[in-house]
Amino acid sequence: MHSDLVGIDEPENYFTGLGKNQLPIPTSVLLFLRTSKNKLQQHALQNRSHHRFVLAFNLGTDGHVHLDNLDMPFKPGQALLIHPYQFHHFSKLASTKLKWLFCTFELEAQGFLEPLRNRVLDMEDSSSLQLDELLGQLVEQLLNIWRMPRVGLQAAQLQASLLSLLISLRRLGDQSEPALLPETDDSLLHTVNLLLAQRCARSVSVADLADELGFSESRLRVLFKQTAGIPLGAYIKNYRLNRAMALLRTSALPIATIAEEAGFGSPQAFSRIFKKETGHTPRSYRQ
């Protein structure tokens, strides 16, 4: 190491160095493991879209992740970053037992992770980046905080480990070509997502979807429950709430317009359902 120091020259300016305040600091970090198909799908329904990032690591069991209207295969050894307010659901799980690790966090400098949007990354193809080691450090530091709940330097170390992991994932994303997603997909869930997106969820009913897909309502409900793991009616309501939450936080549209855009009909019905499902009025959620 000491021989390398010979190449260090005097700086041209002692008041200007490297780094331009572009380092994002992840905050409010959570880690949790999903080990069953039912728990994974039900929690996706309950948590809805929000302002947090969701970083998923597939440690076992093939599946698919639906981001907005995209259907993305997700295999063991891969990582995927879900951005704030991205509607997401999980399907086509190869087993009722799985091992998917999730890390959720908040980040003010969101543009830093924009290159990872809608990208599935192969962690096993990047041994030089030591992603497995960084992920192991992150888990170990969280466990240490739980064992010794003194959240001073331990929490700072957890944030630093997550930042190192995010930088490595960003580097991996920059070095690899984006996977070509299939132009079409005949899965029922993918088709329903496309129809909801095309109509912006405006007044789309189960009857409308059944007519569009050529099924009876009862048959469509059965097929959808088998595919998505949740009832179709609950899925449509969740889709509308996701869209409303994103519009409330990311646009200046009047609440009446958002109610219409998200398919809730009247502003009164929208406010009543939104308060029941989220615990907030649309106005308080926006603020």
Protein backbone atom coordinates (compact mmCIF):
# COMPACT_ATOMS: atom_id res chain seq x y z
CA MET A 1 0.00 0.00 0.00
CA HIS A 2 2.75 2.47 0.94
CA SER A 3 4.29 2.25 -2.53
CA ASP A 4 0.96 3.41 -4.00
CA LEU A 5 1.17 6.64 -2.02
CA VAL A 6 4.00 7.88 -4.24
CA GLY A 7 1.45 8.65 -7.00
CA ILE A 8 -0.56 11.10 -4.89
CA ASP A 9 0.04 14.64 -6.12
CA GLU A 10 -0.66 18.00 -4.50
CA PRO A 11 -4.24 19.18 -5.13
CA GLU A 12 -4.68 22.14 -7.45
CA ASN A 13 -7.30 23.61 -5.12
CA TYR A 14 -7.43 22.87 -1.39
CA PHE A 15 -11.10 23.89 -1.16
CA THR A 16 -12.58 21.79 -3.99
CA GLY A 17 -12.53 18.01 -3.84
CA LEU A 18 -14.29 14.98 -5.28
CA GLY A 19 -17.99 14.40 -4.76
CA LYS A 20 -20.83 16.78 -5.51
CA ASN A 21 -23.38 16.00 -2.82
CA GLN A 22 -24.89 13.19 -4.91
CA LEU A 23 -24.55 10.49 -2.28
CA PRO A 24 -28.04 9.41 -1.16
CA ILE A 25 -28.58 8.52 2.48
CA PRO A 26 -31.25 5.82 2.97
CA THR A 27 -33.36 6.33 6.08
CA SER A 28 -36.09 4.45 7.97
CA VAL A 29 -34.66 1.08 6.92
CA LEU A 30 -36.69 -2.11 7.40
CA LEU A 31 -35.88 -5.73 6.54
CA PHE A 32 -38.32 -8.63 6.49
CA LEU A 33 -38.55 -12.12 5.03
CA ARG A 34 -41.48 -13.68 3.17
CA THR A 35 -41.57 -17.48 3.35
CA SER A 36 -45.07 -18.34 2.10
CA LYS A 37 -47.03 -17.60 -1.06
CA ASN A 38 -50.17 -16.52 0.77
CA LYS A 39 -48.34 -14.10 3.07
CA LEU A 40 -46.45 -12.55 0.16
CA GLN A 41 -49.59 -11.93 -1.91
CA GLN A 42 -51.76 -10.77 0.98
CA HIS A 43 -49.19 -8.27 2.23
CA ALA A 44 -48.82 -6.90 -1.31
CA LEU A 45 -52.56 -6.21 -1.23
CA GLN A 46 -52.52 -4.64 2.24
CA ASN A 47 -49.42 -2.44 1.92
CA ARG A 48 -50.36 -0.73 -1.36
CA SER A 49 -48.15 1.80 -3.08
CA HIS A 50 -46.31 4.29 -0.93
CA HIS A 51 -43.42 6.72 -0.87
CA ARG A 52 -40.84 4.08 0.13
CA PHE A 53 -38.45 2.07 -2.01
CA VAL A 54 -38.83 -1.72 -1.86
CA LEU A 55 -35.70 -3.73 -2.62
CA ALA A 56 -36.45 -7.44 -3.18
CA PHE A 57 -33.95 -10.30 -3.17
CA ASN A 58 -35.05 -13.71 -4.45
CA LEU A 59 -33.24 -16.24 -2.27
CA GLY A 60 -35.43 -19.16 -3.37
CA THR A 61 -38.47 -19.98 -5.57
CA ASP A 62 -39.23 -18.69 -9.07
CA GLY A 63 -42.01 -16.15 -9.45
CA HIS A 64 -43.18 -13.08 -11.32
CA VAL A 65 -43.36 -9.47 -10.17
CA HIS A 66 -45.95 -7.18 -11.74
CA LEU A 67 -44.81 -3.55 -11.79
CA ASP A 68 -47.55 -1.25 -13.06
CA ASN A 69 -48.47 -3.07 -16.29
CA LEU A 70 -45.16 -4.97 -16.70
CA ASP A 71 -44.84 -8.69 -16.01
CA MET A 72 -41.26 -9.50 -14.95
CA PRO A 73 -39.87 -13.00 -14.24
CA PHE A 74 -38.04 -13.08 -10.89
CA LYS A 75 -35.64 -15.97 -10.26
CA PRO A 76 -33.41 -17.04 -7.35
CA GLY A 77 -30.19 -15.04 -7.30
CA GLN A 78 -31.87 -11.91 -8.65
CA ALA A 79 -32.65 -8.50 -7.14
CA LEU A 80 -35.33 -5.99 -8.07
CA LEU A 81 -35.95 -2.42 -6.90
CA ILE A 82 -39.56 -1.23 -6.72
CA HIS A 83 -39.76 2.57 -6.84
CA PRO A 84 -42.11 4.75 -4.77
CA TYR A 85 -45.75 4.59 -5.89
CA GLN A 86 -45.15 1.71 -8.29
CA PHE A 87 -48.11 -0.63 -8.20
CA HIS A 88 -46.79 -4.13 -7.58
CA HIS A 89 -48.09 -7.63 -7.09
CA PHE A 90 -46.62 -11.14 -7.18
CA SER A 91 -47.80 -14.22 -9.07
CA LYS A 92 -46.76 -17.47 -10.83
CA LEU A 93 -44.90 -18.63 -7.72
CA ALA A 94 -43.36 -22.04 -8.31
CA SER A 95 -44.05 -23.19 -4.75
CA THR A 96 -46.19 -22.26 -1.76
CA LYS A 97 -42.92 -22.02 0.19
CA LEU A 98 -40.40 -19.35 -0.74
CA LYS A 99 -37.55 -17.25 0.55
CA TRP A 100 -37.75 -13.64 -0.58
CA LEU A 101 -35.98 -10.96 1.43
CA PHE A 102 -37.27 -7.38 1.34
CA CYS A 103 -35.56 -4.16 2.38
CA THR A 104 -37.70 -1.01 2.38
CA PHE A 105 -36.36 2.48 2.94
CA GLU A 106 -36.82 6.17 2.21
CA LEU A 107 -34.50 8.21 0.02
CA GLU A 108 -34.67 11.92 -0.82
CA ALA A 109 -32.29 11.78 -3.80
CA GLN A 110 -34.53 9.42 -5.75
CA GLY A 111 -32.90 10.16 -9.11
CA PHE A 112 -29.80 8.25 -8.04
CA LEU A 113 -31.74 4.96 -8.34
CA GLU A 114 -33.74 5.84 -11.47
CA PRO A 115 -31.45 3.69 -13.71
CA LEU A 116 -32.66 0.64 -11.74
CA ARG A 117 -36.35 1.22 -12.53
CA ASN A 118 -37.98 -1.89 -14.02
CA ARG A 119 -34.66 -3.78 -13.98
CA VAL A 120 -34.12 -7.32 -12.72
CA LEU A 121 -30.45 -7.73 -11.75
CA ASP A 122 -28.52 -11.02 -11.66
CA MET A 123 -26.49 -10.89 -8.47
CA GLU A 124 -24.72 -14.18 -9.19
CA ASP A 125 -23.15 -12.73 -12.36
CA SER A 126 -21.33 -10.07 -10.38
CA SER A 127 -18.88 -11.84 -8.06
CA SER A 128 -16.51 -8.90 -8.26
CA LEU A 129 -19.12 -6.64 -6.72
CA GLN A 130 -19.48 -8.87 -3.64
CA LEU A 131 -23.22 -8.27 -3.46
CA ASP A 132 -23.84 -11.38 -1.38
CA GLU A 133 -21.29 -10.19 1.19
CA LEU A 134 -22.84 -6.72 1.32
CA LEU A 135 -26.31 -8.20 1.75
CA GLY A 136 -25.01 -10.45 4.54
CA GLN A 137 -23.52 -7.44 6.33
CA LEU A 138 -26.83 -5.61 6.09
CA VAL A 139 -28.75 -8.50 7.64
CA GLU A 140 -26.16 -9.04 10.37
CA GLN A 141 -26.18 -5.38 11.38
CA LEU A 142 -29.96 -5.34 11.61
CA LEU A 143 -29.86 -8.46 13.79
CA ASN A 144 -27.29 -6.79 16.04
CA ILE A 145 -29.59 -3.79 16.49
CA TRP A 146 -32.44 -6.11 17.46
CA ARG A 147 -30.22 -7.95 19.94
CA MET A 148 -28.80 -4.74 21.41
CA PRO A 149 -31.37 -2.00 20.79
CA ARG A 150 -28.95 0.93 20.99
CA VAL A 151 -29.58 2.66 17.70
CA GLY A 152 -26.73 5.15 17.59
CA LEU A 153 -23.72 4.01 15.60
CA GLN A 154 -25.44 0.69 14.82
CA ALA A 155 -28.16 2.47 12.86
CA ALA A 156 -25.54 4.57 11.05
CA GLN A 157 -23.66 1.39 10.11
CA LEU A 158 -26.90 -0.12 8.82
CA GLN A 159 -27.48 2.93 6.62
CA ALA A 160 -23.89 2.81 5.38
CA SER A 161 -24.20 -0.88 4.50
CA LEU A 162 -27.42 -0.29 2.59
CA LEU A 163 -25.82 2.63 0.77
CA SER A 164 -22.87 0.43 -0.25
CA LEU A 165 -25.30 -2.21 -1.49
CA LEU A 166 -27.29 0.35 -3.50
CA ILE A 167 -24.10 1.75 -5.07
CA SER A 168 -23.05 -1.78 -6.08
CA LEU A 169 -26.49 -2.48 -7.55
CA ARG A 170 -26.34 0.80 -9.44
CA ARG A 171 -22.89 -0.15 -10.79
CA LEU A 172 -24.22 -3.56 -11.80
CA GLY A 173 -27.13 -1.90 -13.56
CA ASP A 174 -24.76 0.43 -15.43
CA GLN A 175 -22.60 -2.51 -16.54
CA SER A 176 -25.38 -4.84 -17.71
CA GLU A 177 -27.85 -4.49 -20.54
CA PRO A 178 -31.54 -4.18 -19.59
CA ALA A 179 -33.38 -7.45 -20.06
CA LEU A 180 -35.75 -7.45 -23.01
CA LEU A 181 -39.25 -7.84 -21.63
CA PRO A 182 -41.77 -9.82 -23.68
CA GLU A 183 -43.96 -7.58 -25.80
CA THR A 184 -47.03 -9.62 -24.98
CA ASP A 185 -48.02 -11.92 -22.18
CA ASP A 186 -51.08 -14.11 -22.08
CA SER A 187 -51.30 -14.30 -18.29
CA LEU A 188 -54.63 -13.28 -16.83
CA LEU A 189 -53.12 -10.93 -14.26
CA HIS A 190 -51.03 -9.18 -16.89
CA THR A 191 -54.06 -8.72 -19.13
CA VAL A 192 -56.16 -7.32 -16.27
CA ASN A 193 -53.36 -4.88 -15.40
CA LEU A 194 -53.20 -3.70 -19.02
CA LEU A 195 -56.94 -3.13 -19.18
CA LEU A 196 -56.92 -1.21 -15.91
CA ALA A 197 -53.97 0.90 -17.08
CA GLN A 198 -55.55 1.64 -20.47
CA ARG A 199 -58.71 2.89 -18.85
CA CYS A 200 -56.85 4.46 -15.90
CA ALA A 201 -59.14 2.30 -13.70
CA ARG A 202 -62.05 4.65 -14.48
CA SER A 203 -65.29 2.89 -13.59
CA VAL A 204 -63.92 -0.52 -14.60
CA SER A 205 -66.08 -3.23 -13.06
CA VAL A 206 -65.70 -7.00 -12.85
CA ALA A 207 -68.50 -7.22 -15.45
CA ASP A 208 -66.52 -4.97 -17.82
CA LEU A 209 -63.40 -7.13 -17.47
CA ALA A 210 -65.37 -10.36 -17.88
CA ASP A 211 -66.98 -9.06 -21.06
CA GLU A 212 -63.61 -7.90 -22.43
CA LEU A 213 -61.94 -11.25 -21.68
CA GLY A 214 -64.82 -13.47 -22.78
CA PHE A 215 -65.57 -15.07 -19.40
CA SER A 216 -68.59 -15.10 -17.17
CA GLU A 217 -68.15 -12.99 -14.04
CA SER A 218 -68.11 -16.05 -11.79
CA ARG A 219 -65.54 -17.83 -13.95
CA LEU A 220 -63.31 -14.75 -14.09
CA ARG A 221 -63.43 -14.38 -10.30
CA VAL A 222 -62.37 -18.01 -9.81
CA LEU A 223 -59.55 -17.84 -12.37
CA PHE A 224 -58.24 -14.55 -11.00
CA LYS A 225 -58.21 -15.80 -7.40
CA GLN A 226 -56.22 -18.85 -8.54
CA THR A 227 -53.73 -16.64 -10.41
CA ALA A 228 -53.27 -13.67 -8.09
CA GLY A 229 -54.10 -15.24 -4.73
CA ILE A 230 -56.62 -12.50 -3.87
CA PRO A 231 -60.20 -11.70 -4.99
CA LEU A 232 -60.58 -9.67 -8.19
CA GLY A 233 -62.85 -7.08 -6.55
CA ALA A 234 -60.27 -6.42 -3.82
CA TYR A 235 -57.53 -6.21 -6.45
CA ILE A 236 -59.42 -3.58 -8.48
CA LYS A 237 -60.08 -1.51 -5.36
CA ASN A 238 -56.42 -1.77 -4.40
CA TYR A 239 -55.37 -0.70 -7.90
CA ARG A 240 -57.59 2.38 -7.66
CA LEU A 241 -56.26 3.27 -4.22
CA ASN A 242 -52.68 2.93 -5.48
CA ARG A 243 -53.40 5.32 -8.33
CA ALA A 244 -55.16 7.78 -6.04
CA MET A 245 -52.31 7.75 -3.49
CA ALA A 246 -49.73 8.39 -6.20
CA LEU A 247 -51.75 11.24 -7.73
CA LEU A 248 -52.29 12.84 -4.32
CA ARG A 249 -48.56 12.88 -3.57
CA THR A 250 -47.13 13.54 -7.04
CA SER A 251 -49.62 15.91 -8.69
CA ALA A 252 -51.52 19.10 -7.95
CA LEU A 253 -54.78 17.78 -9.41
CA PRO A 254 -57.95 18.67 -7.46
CA ILE A 255 -59.27 15.88 -5.26
CA ALA A 256 -62.47 15.70 -7.34
CA THR A 257 -60.39 15.09 -10.48
CA ILE A 258 -58.33 12.40 -8.72
CA ALA A 259 -61.54 10.69 -7.59
CA GLU A 260 -62.63 10.52 -11.22
CA GLU A 261 -59.21 9.50 -12.58
CA ALA A 262 -58.93 6.65 -10.07
CA GLY A 263 -62.43 5.37 -10.81
CA PHE A 264 -64.19 6.21 -7.53
CA GLY A 265 -67.01 8.23 -9.08
CA SER A 266 -67.94 11.01 -6.69
CA PRO A 267 -65.50 12.85 -4.39
CA GLN A 268 -67.72 11.86 -1.45
CA ALA A 269 -67.42 8.15 -2.22
CA PHE A 270 -63.68 8.56 -2.77
CA SER A 271 -63.16 10.32 0.58
CA ARG A 272 -65.24 7.73 2.43
CA ILE A 273 -63.42 4.70 0.94
CA PHE A 274 -59.97 6.33 1.18
CA LYS A 275 -60.45 7.15 4.87
CA LYS A 276 -61.71 3.64 5.61
CA GLU A 277 -58.81 1.93 3.84
CA THR A 278 -55.90 4.20 4.77
CA GLY A 279 -57.00 5.95 7.96
CA HIS A 280 -56.47 9.35 6.33
CA THR A 281 -58.66 11.71 4.36
CA PRO A 282 -57.36 12.45 0.85
CA ARG A 283 -56.50 15.98 1.94
CA SER A 284 -54.53 14.93 5.04
CA TYR A 285 -52.70 12.22 3.07
CA ARG A 286 -51.63 14.78 0.46
CA GLN A 287 -50.24 17.08 3.17
